[in-house]
Amino acid sequence: MLPTRPRIGENSGFVTASYGNYDAVNVQGAVNIAMGEHGAMRVAGNLVSRDGYQTDGTSDEKTQALRVQLLGELTPDLTVRVGGDLRAL
């Protein structure tokens, strides 16, 4: 799956959250920030936490992820996108 590109000239964002059995929590969100006329930054994150089916904790799930991208239209023929990902288990 390809990440959503930053959108030049747009400030936007979203957050979604859900809760389920075994104390399952899933939170996702992203923000798009316009940076001048020819650039944008997008920050997206995800948090998942769930107690496992076994009482010893071996099937628990706890993950966090963060992605940061910068997009710049340097010339009409040259667009550069740089990104980085961080995932913690």
PDB file of N, CA and C in Angstrom:
ATOM      1  N   MET A   1       0.839  -1.175   0.000  1.00  0.00           N
ATOM      2  CA  MET A   1       0.000   0.000   0.000  1.00  0.00           C
ATOM      3  C   MET A   1       0.887   1.243   0.000  1.00  0.00           C
ATOM      4  N   LEU A   2       0.598   2.171  -0.866  1.00  0.00           N
ATOM      5  CA  LEU A   2       1.354   3.420  -0.945  1.00  0.00           C
ATOM      6  C   LEU A   2       0.791   4.437   0.043  1.00  0.00           C
ATOM      7  N   PRO A   3       1.663   5.174   0.711  1.00  0.00           N
ATOM      8  CA  PRO A   3       1.166   6.193   1.648  1.00  0.00           C
ATOM      9  C   PRO A   3       0.507   7.349   0.906  1.00  0.00           C
ATOM     10  N   THR A   4      -0.451   7.970   1.564  1.00  0.00           N
ATOM     11  CA  THR A   4      -1.108   9.148   1.003  1.00  0.00           C
ATOM     12  C   THR A   4      -0.104  10.288   0.930  1.00  0.00           C
ATOM     13  N   ARG A   5      -0.010  10.917  -0.215  1.00  0.00           N
ATOM     14  CA  ARG A   5       0.940  12.013  -0.410  1.00  0.00           C
ATOM     15  C   ARG A   5       0.459  13.280   0.285  1.00  0.00           C
ATOM     16  N   PRO A   6       1.398  14.117   0.739  1.00  0.00           N
ATOM     17  CA  PRO A   6       1.002  15.439   1.221  1.00  0.00           C
ATOM     18  C   PRO A   6       0.325  16.215   0.091  1.00  0.00           C
ATOM     19  N   ARG A   7      -0.618  17.088   0.459  1.00  0.00           N
ATOM     20  CA  ARG A   7      -1.352  17.878  -0.531  1.00  0.00           C
ATOM     21  C   ARG A   7      -0.952  19.339  -0.405  1.00  0.00           C
ATOM     22  N   ILE A   8      -0.404  19.864  -1.455  1.00  0.00           N
ATOM     23  CA  ILE A   8       0.043  21.262  -1.487  1.00  0.00           C
ATOM     24  C   ILE A   8      -1.170  22.181  -1.442  1.00  0.00           C
ATOM     25  N   GLY A   9      -1.077  23.235  -0.605  1.00  0.00           N
ATOM     26  CA  GLY A   9      -2.144  24.220  -0.514  1.00  0.00           C
ATOM     27  C   GLY A   9      -3.326  23.809   0.338  1.00  0.00           C
ATOM     28  N   GLU A  10      -3.187  22.741   1.117  1.00  0.00           N
ATOM     29  CA  GLU A  10      -4.324  22.245   1.902  1.00  0.00           C
ATOM     30  C   GLU A  10      -3.909  22.015   3.353  1.00  0.00           C
ATOM     31  N   ASN A  11      -4.728  22.520   4.268  1.00  0.00           N
ATOM     32  CA  ASN A  11      -4.603  22.206   5.688  1.00  0.00           C
ATOM     33  C   ASN A  11      -5.793  21.339   6.062  1.00  0.00           C
ATOM     34  N   SER A  12      -5.526  20.119   6.497  1.00  0.00           N
ATOM     35  CA  SER A  12      -6.609  19.199   6.820  1.00  0.00           C
ATOM     36  C   SER A  12      -6.112  18.148   7.795  1.00  0.00           C
ATOM     37  N   GLY A  13      -7.032  17.354   8.283  1.00  0.00           N
ATOM     38  CA  GLY A  13      -6.660  16.279   9.183  1.00  0.00           C
ATOM     39  C   GLY A  13      -7.860  15.436   9.561  1.00  0.00           C
ATOM     40  N   PHE A  14      -7.588  14.318  10.239  1.00  0.00           N
ATOM     41  CA  PHE A  14      -8.658  13.459  10.709  1.00  0.00           C
ATOM     42  C   PHE A  14      -8.155  12.608  11.872  1.00  0.00           C
ATOM     43  N   VAL A  15      -9.084  12.118  12.653  1.00  0.00           N
ATOM     44  CA  VAL A  15      -8.804  11.156  13.722  1.00  0.00           C
ATOM     45  C   VAL A  15      -9.954  10.164  13.748  1.00  0.00           C
ATOM     46  N   THR A  16      -9.623   8.875  13.819  1.00  0.00           N
ATOM     47  CA  THR A  16     -10.625   7.845  14.011  1.00  0.00           C
ATOM     48  C   THR A  16     -10.199   6.988  15.202  1.00  0.00           C
ATOM     49  N   ALA A  17     -11.167   6.483  15.927  1.00  0.00           N
ATOM     50  CA  ALA A  17     -10.863   5.644  17.085  1.00  0.00           C
ATOM     51  C   ALA A  17     -11.929   4.565  17.223  1.00  0.00           C
ATOM     52  N   SER A  18     -11.502   3.424  17.740  1.00  0.00           N
ATOM     53  CA  SER A  18     -12.456   2.346  18.003  1.00  0.00           C
ATOM     54  C   SER A  18     -12.045   1.615  19.278  1.00  0.00           C
ATOM     55  N   TYR A  19     -13.032   0.987  19.889  1.00  0.00           N
ATOM     56  CA  TYR A  19     -12.809   0.197  21.101  1.00  0.00           C
ATOM     57  C   TYR A  19     -13.545  -1.122  20.944  1.00  0.00           C
ATOM     58  N   GLY A  20     -12.897  -2.223  21.357  1.00  0.00           N
ATOM     59  CA  GLY A  20     -13.530  -3.527  21.216  1.00  0.00           C
ATOM     60  C   GLY A  20     -13.241  -4.441  22.384  1.00  0.00           C
ATOM     61  N   ASN A  21     -13.579  -5.704  22.184  1.00  0.00           N
ATOM     62  CA  ASN A  21     -13.379  -6.671  23.259  1.00  0.00           C
ATOM     63  C   ASN A  21     -11.893  -6.846  23.569  1.00  0.00           C
ATOM     64  N   TYR A  22     -11.602  -7.385  24.729  1.00  0.00           N
ATOM     65  CA  TYR A  22     -10.238  -7.536  25.241  1.00  0.00           C
ATOM     66  C   TYR A  22      -9.530  -6.183  25.337  1.00  0.00           C
ATOM     67  N   ASP A  23     -10.291  -5.147  25.675  1.00  0.00           N
ATOM     68  CA  ASP A  23      -9.768  -3.777  25.803  1.00  0.00           C
ATOM     69  C   ASP A  23      -9.017  -3.324  24.550  1.00  0.00           C
ATOM     70  N   ALA A  24      -9.514  -3.711  23.392  1.00  0.00           N
ATOM     71  CA  ALA A  24      -8.870  -3.330  22.134  1.00  0.00           C
ATOM     72  C   ALA A  24      -9.131  -1.852  21.840  1.00  0.00           C
ATOM     73  N   VAL A  25      -8.053  -1.118  21.601  1.00  0.00           N
ATOM     74  CA  VAL A  25      -8.120   0.298  21.245  1.00  0.00           C
ATOM     75  C   VAL A  25      -7.335   0.485  19.954  1.00  0.00           C
ATOM     76  N   ASN A  26      -7.944   1.158  18.991  1.00  0.00           N
ATOM     77  CA  ASN A  26      -7.280   1.457  17.731  1.00  0.00           C
ATOM     78  C   ASN A  26      -7.524   2.929  17.419  1.00  0.00           C
ATOM     79  N   VAL A  27      -6.461   3.719  17.343  1.00  0.00           N
ATOM     80  CA  VAL A  27      -6.557   5.141  17.042  1.00  0.00           C
ATOM     81  C   VAL A  27      -5.663   5.433  15.840  1.00  0.00           C
ATOM     82  N   GLN A  28      -6.238   6.103  14.845  1.00  0.00           N
ATOM     83  CA  GLN A  28      -5.487   6.508  13.660  1.00  0.00           C
ATOM     84  C   GLN A  28      -5.752   7.979  13.407  1.00  0.00           C
ATOM     85  N   GLY A  29      -4.770   8.659  12.860  1.00  0.00           N
ATOM     86  CA  GLY A  29      -4.963  10.064  12.546  1.00  0.00           C
ATOM     87  C   GLY A  29      -3.886  10.575  11.618  1.00  0.00           C
ATOM     88  N   ALA A  30      -4.173  11.704  11.004  1.00  0.00           N
ATOM     89  CA  ALA A  30      -3.210  12.348  10.110  1.00  0.00           C
ATOM     90  C   ALA A  30      -3.516  13.832  10.039  1.00  0.00           C
ATOM     91  N   VAL A  31      -2.483  14.601   9.755  1.00  0.00           N
ATOM     92  CA  VAL A  31      -2.640  16.032   9.542  1.00  0.00           C
ATOM     93  C   VAL A  31      -1.798  16.422   8.327  1.00  0.00           C
ATOM     94  N   ASN A  32      -2.373  17.260   7.473  1.00  0.00           N
ATOM     95  CA  ASN A  32      -1.693  17.785   6.295  1.00  0.00           C
ATOM     96  C   ASN A  32      -1.527  19.288   6.502  1.00  0.00           C
ATOM     97  N   ILE A  33      -0.305  19.774   6.366  1.00  0.00           N
ATOM     98  CA  ILE A  33      -0.006  21.191   6.600  1.00  0.00           C
ATOM     99  C   ILE A  33       0.616  21.791   5.346  1.00  0.00           C
ATOM    100  N   ALA A  34      -0.016  22.833   4.821  1.00  0.00           N
ATOM    101  CA  ALA A  34       0.543  23.545   3.670  1.00  0.00           C
ATOM    102  C   ALA A  34       1.764  24.326   4.122  1.00  0.00           C
ATOM    103  N   MET A  35       2.807  24.296   3.310  1.00  0.00           N
ATOM    104  CA  MET A  35       4.038  25.024   3.607  1.00  0.00           C
ATOM    105  C   MET A  35       4.353  25.909   2.401  1.00  0.00           C
ATOM    106  N   GLY A  36       3.788  27.104   2.403  1.00  0.00           N
ATOM    107  CA  GLY A  36       3.968  27.994   1.270  1.00  0.00           C
ATOM    108  C   GLY A  36       3.149  27.551   0.073  1.00  0.00           C
ATOM    109  N   GLU A  37       3.483  28.090  -1.074  1.00  0.00           N
ATOM    110  CA  GLU A  37       2.743  27.784  -2.303  1.00  0.00           C
ATOM    111  C   GLU A  37       3.176  26.479  -2.959  1.00  0.00           C
ATOM    112  N   HIS A  38       4.371  25.990  -2.599  1.00  0.00           N
ATOM    113  CA  HIS A  38       4.914  24.846  -3.334  1.00  0.00           C
ATOM    114  C   HIS A  38       5.343  23.693  -2.444  1.00  0.00           C
ATOM    115  N   GLY A  39       4.840  23.650  -1.207  1.00  0.00           N
ATOM    116  CA  GLY A  39       5.259  22.572  -0.321  1.00  0.00           C
ATOM    117  C   GLY A  39       4.166  22.174   0.651  1.00  0.00           C
ATOM    118  N   ALA A  40       4.325  20.986   1.213  1.00  0.00           N
ATOM    119  CA  ALA A  40       3.373  20.485   2.206  1.00  0.00           C
ATOM    120  C   ALA A  40       4.055  19.417   3.056  1.00  0.00           C
ATOM    121  N   MET A  41       3.512  19.245   4.248  1.00  0.00           N
ATOM    122  CA  MET A  41       3.982  18.201   5.158  1.00  0.00           C
ATOM    123  C   MET A  41       2.767  17.401   5.615  1.00  0.00           C
ATOM    124  N   ARG A  42       2.954  16.101   5.746  1.00  0.00           N
ATOM    125  CA  ARG A  42       1.893  15.224   6.245  1.00  0.00           C
ATOM    126  C   ARG A  42       2.477  14.358   7.356  1.00  0.00           C
ATOM    127  N   VAL A  43       1.775  14.324   8.487  1.00  0.00           N
ATOM    128  CA  VAL A  43       2.157  13.487   9.622  1.00  0.00           C
ATOM    129  C   VAL A  43       0.984  12.556   9.900  1.00  0.00           C
ATOM    130  N   ALA A  44       1.260  11.262   9.937  1.00  0.00           N
ATOM    131  CA  ALA A  44       0.213  10.273  10.183  1.00  0.00           C
ATOM    132  C   ALA A  44       0.680   9.315  11.266  1.00  0.00           C
ATOM    133  N   GLY A  45      -0.272   8.845  12.072  1.00  0.00           N
ATOM    134  CA  GLY A  45       0.085   7.929  13.140  1.00  0.00           C
ATOM    135  C   GLY A  45      -0.990   6.908  13.400  1.00  0.00           C
ATOM    136  N   ASN A  46      -0.592   5.850  14.112  1.00  0.00           N
ATOM    137  CA  ASN A  46      -1.487   4.754  14.424  1.00  0.00           C
ATOM    138  C   ASN A  46      -1.082   4.173  15.775  1.00  0.00           C
ATOM    139  N   LEU A  47      -2.068   3.865  16.601  1.00  0.00           N
ATOM    140  CA  LEU A  47      -1.843   3.241  17.900  1.00  0.00           C
ATOM    141  C   LEU A  47      -2.807   2.073  18.041  1.00  0.00           C
ATOM    142  N   VAL A  48      -2.275   0.895  18.341  1.00  0.00           N
ATOM    143  CA  VAL A  48      -3.089  -0.299  18.544  1.00  0.00           C
ATOM    144  C   VAL A  48      -2.694  -0.912  19.879  1.00  0.00           C
ATOM    145  N   SER A  49      -3.683  -1.197  20.701  1.00  0.00           N
ATOM    146  CA  SER A  49      -3.438  -1.830  21.996  1.00  0.00           C
ATOM    147  C   SER A  49      -4.584  -2.803  22.267  1.00  0.00           C
ATOM    148  N   ARG A  50      -4.212  -4.037  22.604  1.00  0.00           N
ATOM    149  CA  ARG A  50      -5.233  -5.054  22.879  1.00  0.00           C
ATOM    150  C   ARG A  50      -4.668  -6.068  23.856  1.00  0.00           C
ATOM    151  N   ASP A  51      -5.474  -6.392  24.879  1.00  0.00           N
ATOM    152  CA  ASP A  51      -5.102  -7.474  25.786  1.00  0.00           C
ATOM    153  C   ASP A  51      -5.254  -8.792  25.046  1.00  0.00           C
ATOM    154  N   GLY A  52      -4.372  -9.721  25.329  1.00  0.00           N
ATOM    155  CA  GLY A  52      -4.396 -11.004  24.641  1.00  0.00           C
ATOM    156  C   GLY A  52      -5.456 -11.948  25.162  1.00  0.00           C
ATOM    157  N   TYR A  53      -5.598 -13.033  24.445  1.00  0.00           N
ATOM    158  CA  TYR A  53      -6.564 -14.061  24.819  1.00  0.00           C
ATOM    159  C   TYR A  53      -6.044 -14.909  25.976  1.00  0.00           C
ATOM    160  N   GLN A  54      -4.730 -14.909  26.169  1.00  0.00           N
ATOM    161  CA  GLN A  54      -4.119 -15.687  27.234  1.00  0.00           C
ATOM    162  C   GLN A  54      -3.769 -14.757  28.395  1.00  0.00           C
ATOM    163  N   THR A  55      -3.873 -15.242  29.604  1.00  0.00           N
ATOM    164  CA  THR A  55      -3.662 -14.402  30.784  1.00  0.00           C
ATOM    165  C   THR A  55      -2.197 -14.100  31.059  1.00  0.00           C
ATOM    166  N   ASP A  56      -1.262 -14.796  30.402  1.00  0.00           N
ATOM    167  CA  ASP A  56       0.151 -14.551  30.664  1.00  0.00           C
ATOM    168  C   ASP A  56       0.727 -13.393  29.852  1.00  0.00           C
ATOM    169  N   GLY A  57      -0.082 -12.753  29.018  1.00  0.00           N
ATOM    170  CA  GLY A  57       0.358 -11.592  28.261  1.00  0.00           C
ATOM    171  C   GLY A  57       1.088 -11.882  26.972  1.00  0.00           C
ATOM    172  N   THR A  58       1.271 -13.148  26.617  1.00  0.00           N
ATOM    173  CA  THR A  58       2.031 -13.468  25.404  1.00  0.00           C
ATOM    174  C   THR A  58       1.285 -13.130  24.119  1.00  0.00           C
ATOM    175  N   SER A  59      -0.019 -12.975  24.181  1.00  0.00           N
ATOM    176  CA  SER A  59      -0.767 -12.649  22.962  1.00  0.00           C
ATOM    177  C   SER A  59      -1.276 -11.204  22.975  1.00  0.00           C
ATOM    178  N   ASP A  60      -0.762 -10.378  23.888  1.00  0.00           N
ATOM    179  CA  ASP A  60      -1.114  -8.950  23.891  1.00  0.00           C
ATOM    180  C   ASP A  60      -0.567  -8.287  22.628  1.00  0.00           C
ATOM    181  N   GLU A  61      -1.215  -7.231  22.198  1.00  0.00           N
ATOM    182  CA  GLU A  61      -0.740  -6.475  21.039  1.00  0.00           C
ATOM    183  C   GLU A  61      -0.611  -5.013  21.439  1.00  0.00           C
ATOM    184  N   LYS A  62       0.564  -4.463  21.231  1.00  0.00           N
ATOM    185  CA  LYS A  62       0.811  -3.051  21.502  1.00  0.00           C
ATOM    186  C   LYS A  62       1.759  -2.536  20.424  1.00  0.00           C
ATOM    187  N   THR A  63       1.236  -1.748  19.506  1.00  0.00           N
ATOM    188  CA  THR A  63       2.074  -1.181  18.453  1.00  0.00           C
ATOM    189  C   THR A  63       1.777   0.306  18.284  1.00  0.00           C
ATOM    190  N   GLN A  64       2.794   1.033  17.868  1.00  0.00           N
ATOM    191  CA  GLN A  64       2.677   2.454  17.567  1.00  0.00           C
ATOM    192  C   GLN A  64       3.442   2.708  16.274  1.00  0.00           C
ATOM    193  N   ALA A  65       2.899   3.558  15.424  1.00  0.00           N
ATOM    194  CA  ALA A  65       3.558   3.869  14.163  1.00  0.00           C
ATOM    195  C   ALA A  65       3.399   5.353  13.859  1.00  0.00           C
ATOM    196  N   LEU A  66       4.426   5.917  13.250  1.00  0.00           N
ATOM    197  CA  LEU A  66       4.421   7.333  12.875  1.00  0.00           C
ATOM    198  C   LEU A  66       5.095   7.482  11.523  1.00  0.00           C
ATOM    199  N   ARG A  67       4.492   8.276  10.649  1.00  0.00           N
ATOM    200  CA  ARG A  67       5.074   8.555   9.339  1.00  0.00           C
ATOM    201  C   ARG A  67       5.058  10.068   9.121  1.00  0.00           C
ATOM    202  N   VAL A  68       6.184  10.610   8.668  1.00  0.00           N
ATOM    203  CA  VAL A  68       6.304  12.033   8.350  1.00  0.00           C
ATOM    204  C   VAL A  68       6.785  12.139   6.909  1.00  0.00           C
ATOM    205  N   GLN A  69       6.109  12.991   6.125  1.00  0.00           N
ATOM    206  CA  GLN A  69       6.489  13.206   4.731  1.00  0.00           C
ATOM    207  C   GLN A  69       6.549  14.696   4.428  1.00  0.00           C
ATOM    208  N   LEU A  70       7.513  15.079   3.619  1.00  0.00           N
ATOM    209  CA  LEU A  70       7.620  16.442   3.095  1.00  0.00           C
ATOM    210  C   LEU A  70       7.550  16.362   1.583  1.00  0.00           C
ATOM    211  N   LEU A  71       6.792  17.259   0.985  1.00  0.00           N
ATOM    212  CA  LEU A  71       6.645  17.302  -0.470  1.00  0.00           C
ATOM    213  C   LEU A  71       6.925  18.715  -0.942  1.00  0.00           C
ATOM    214  N   GLY A  72       7.744  18.833  -1.964  1.00  0.00           N
ATOM    215  CA  GLY A  72       8.041  20.147  -2.533  1.00  0.00           C
ATOM    216  C   GLY A  72       8.053  20.107  -4.041  1.00  0.00           C
ATOM    217  N   GLU A  73       7.363  21.061  -4.653  1.00  0.00           N
ATOM    218  CA  GLU A  73       7.425  21.226  -6.111  1.00  0.00           C
ATOM    219  C   GLU A  73       8.520  22.241  -6.375  1.00  0.00           C
ATOM    220  N   LEU A  74       9.725  21.752  -6.660  1.00  0.00           N
ATOM    221  CA  LEU A  74      10.876  22.623  -6.819  1.00  0.00           C
ATOM    222  C   LEU A  74      10.844  23.386  -8.135  1.00  0.00           C
ATOM    223  N   THR A  75      10.403  22.732  -9.190  1.00  0.00           N
ATOM    224  CA  THR A  75      10.201  23.357 -10.497  1.00  0.00           C
ATOM    225  C   THR A  75       8.945  22.723 -11.088  1.00  0.00           C
ATOM    226  N   PRO A  76       8.438  23.253 -12.204  1.00  0.00           N
ATOM    227  CA  PRO A  76       7.271  22.605 -12.823  1.00  0.00           C
ATOM    228  C   PRO A  76       7.520  21.149 -13.222  1.00  0.00           C
ATOM    229  N   ASP A  77       8.779  20.794 -13.446  1.00  0.00           N
ATOM    230  CA  ASP A  77       9.110  19.438 -13.872  1.00  0.00           C
ATOM    231  C   ASP A  77       9.728  18.574 -12.775  1.00  0.00           C
ATOM    232  N   LEU A  78       9.950  19.139 -11.578  1.00  0.00           N
ATOM    233  CA  LEU A  78      10.622  18.394 -10.521  1.00  0.00           C
ATOM    234  C   LEU A  78       9.876  18.526  -9.198  1.00  0.00           C
ATOM    235  N   THR A  79       9.345  17.391  -8.736  1.00  0.00           N
ATOM    236  CA  THR A  79       8.695  17.306  -7.431  1.00  0.00           C
ATOM    237  C   THR A  79       9.468  16.302  -6.589  1.00  0.00           C
ATOM    238  N   VAL A  80       9.760  16.684  -5.346  1.00  0.00           N
ATOM    239  CA  VAL A  80      10.525  15.823  -4.452  1.00  0.00           C
ATOM    240  C   VAL A  80       9.672  15.509  -3.226  1.00  0.00           C
ATOM    241  N   ARG A  81       9.642  14.221  -2.868  1.00  0.00           N
ATOM    242  CA  ARG A  81       8.948  13.787  -1.653  1.00  0.00           C
ATOM    243  C   ARG A  81       9.936  12.971  -0.808  1.00  0.00           C
ATOM    244  N   VAL A  82      10.071  13.380   0.459  1.00  0.00           N
ATOM    245  CA  VAL A  82      10.965  12.705   1.393  1.00  0.00           C
ATOM    246  C   VAL A  82      10.125  12.273   2.592  1.00  0.00           C
ATOM    247  N   GLY A  83      10.322  11.060   3.037  1.00  0.00           N
ATOM    248  CA  GLY A  83       9.534  10.570   4.163  1.00  0.00           C
ATOM    249  C   GLY A  83      10.334   9.676   5.076  1.00  0.00           C
ATOM    250  N   GLY A  84       9.815   9.512   6.276  1.00  0.00           N
ATOM    251  CA  GLY A  84      10.420   8.614   7.237  1.00  0.00           C
ATOM    252  C   GLY A  84       9.349   7.940   8.059  1.00  0.00           C
ATOM    253  N   ASP A  85       9.605   6.691   8.453  1.00  0.00           N
ATOM    254  CA  ASP A  85       8.672   5.897   9.230  1.00  0.00           C
ATOM    255  C   ASP A  85       9.326   5.471  10.536  1.00  0.00           C
ATOM    256  N   LEU A  86       8.513   5.384  11.573  1.00  0.00           N
ATOM    257  CA  LEU A  86       8.952   4.875  12.869  1.00  0.00           C
ATOM    258  C   LEU A  86       7.867   3.933  13.363  1.00  0.00           C
ATOM    259  N   ARG A  87       8.272   2.745  13.766  1.00  0.00           N
ATOM    260  CA  ARG A  87       7.310   1.784  14.297  1.00  0.00           C
ATOM    261  C   ARG A  87       7.875   1.207  15.589  1.00  0.00           C
ATOM    262  N   ALA A  88       7.102   1.269  16.630  1.00  0.00           N
ATOM    263  CA  ALA A  88       7.509   0.726  17.922  1.00  0.00           C
ATOM    264  C   ALA A  88       6.577  -0.414  18.299  1.00  0.00           C
ATOM    265  N   LEU A  89       7.161  -1.518  18.687  1.00  0.00           N
ATOM    266  CA  LEU A  89       6.362  -2.673  19.101  1.00  0.00           C
ATOM    267  C   LEU A  89       6.368  -2.792  20.591  1.00  0.00           C
TER     268      LEU A  89
END
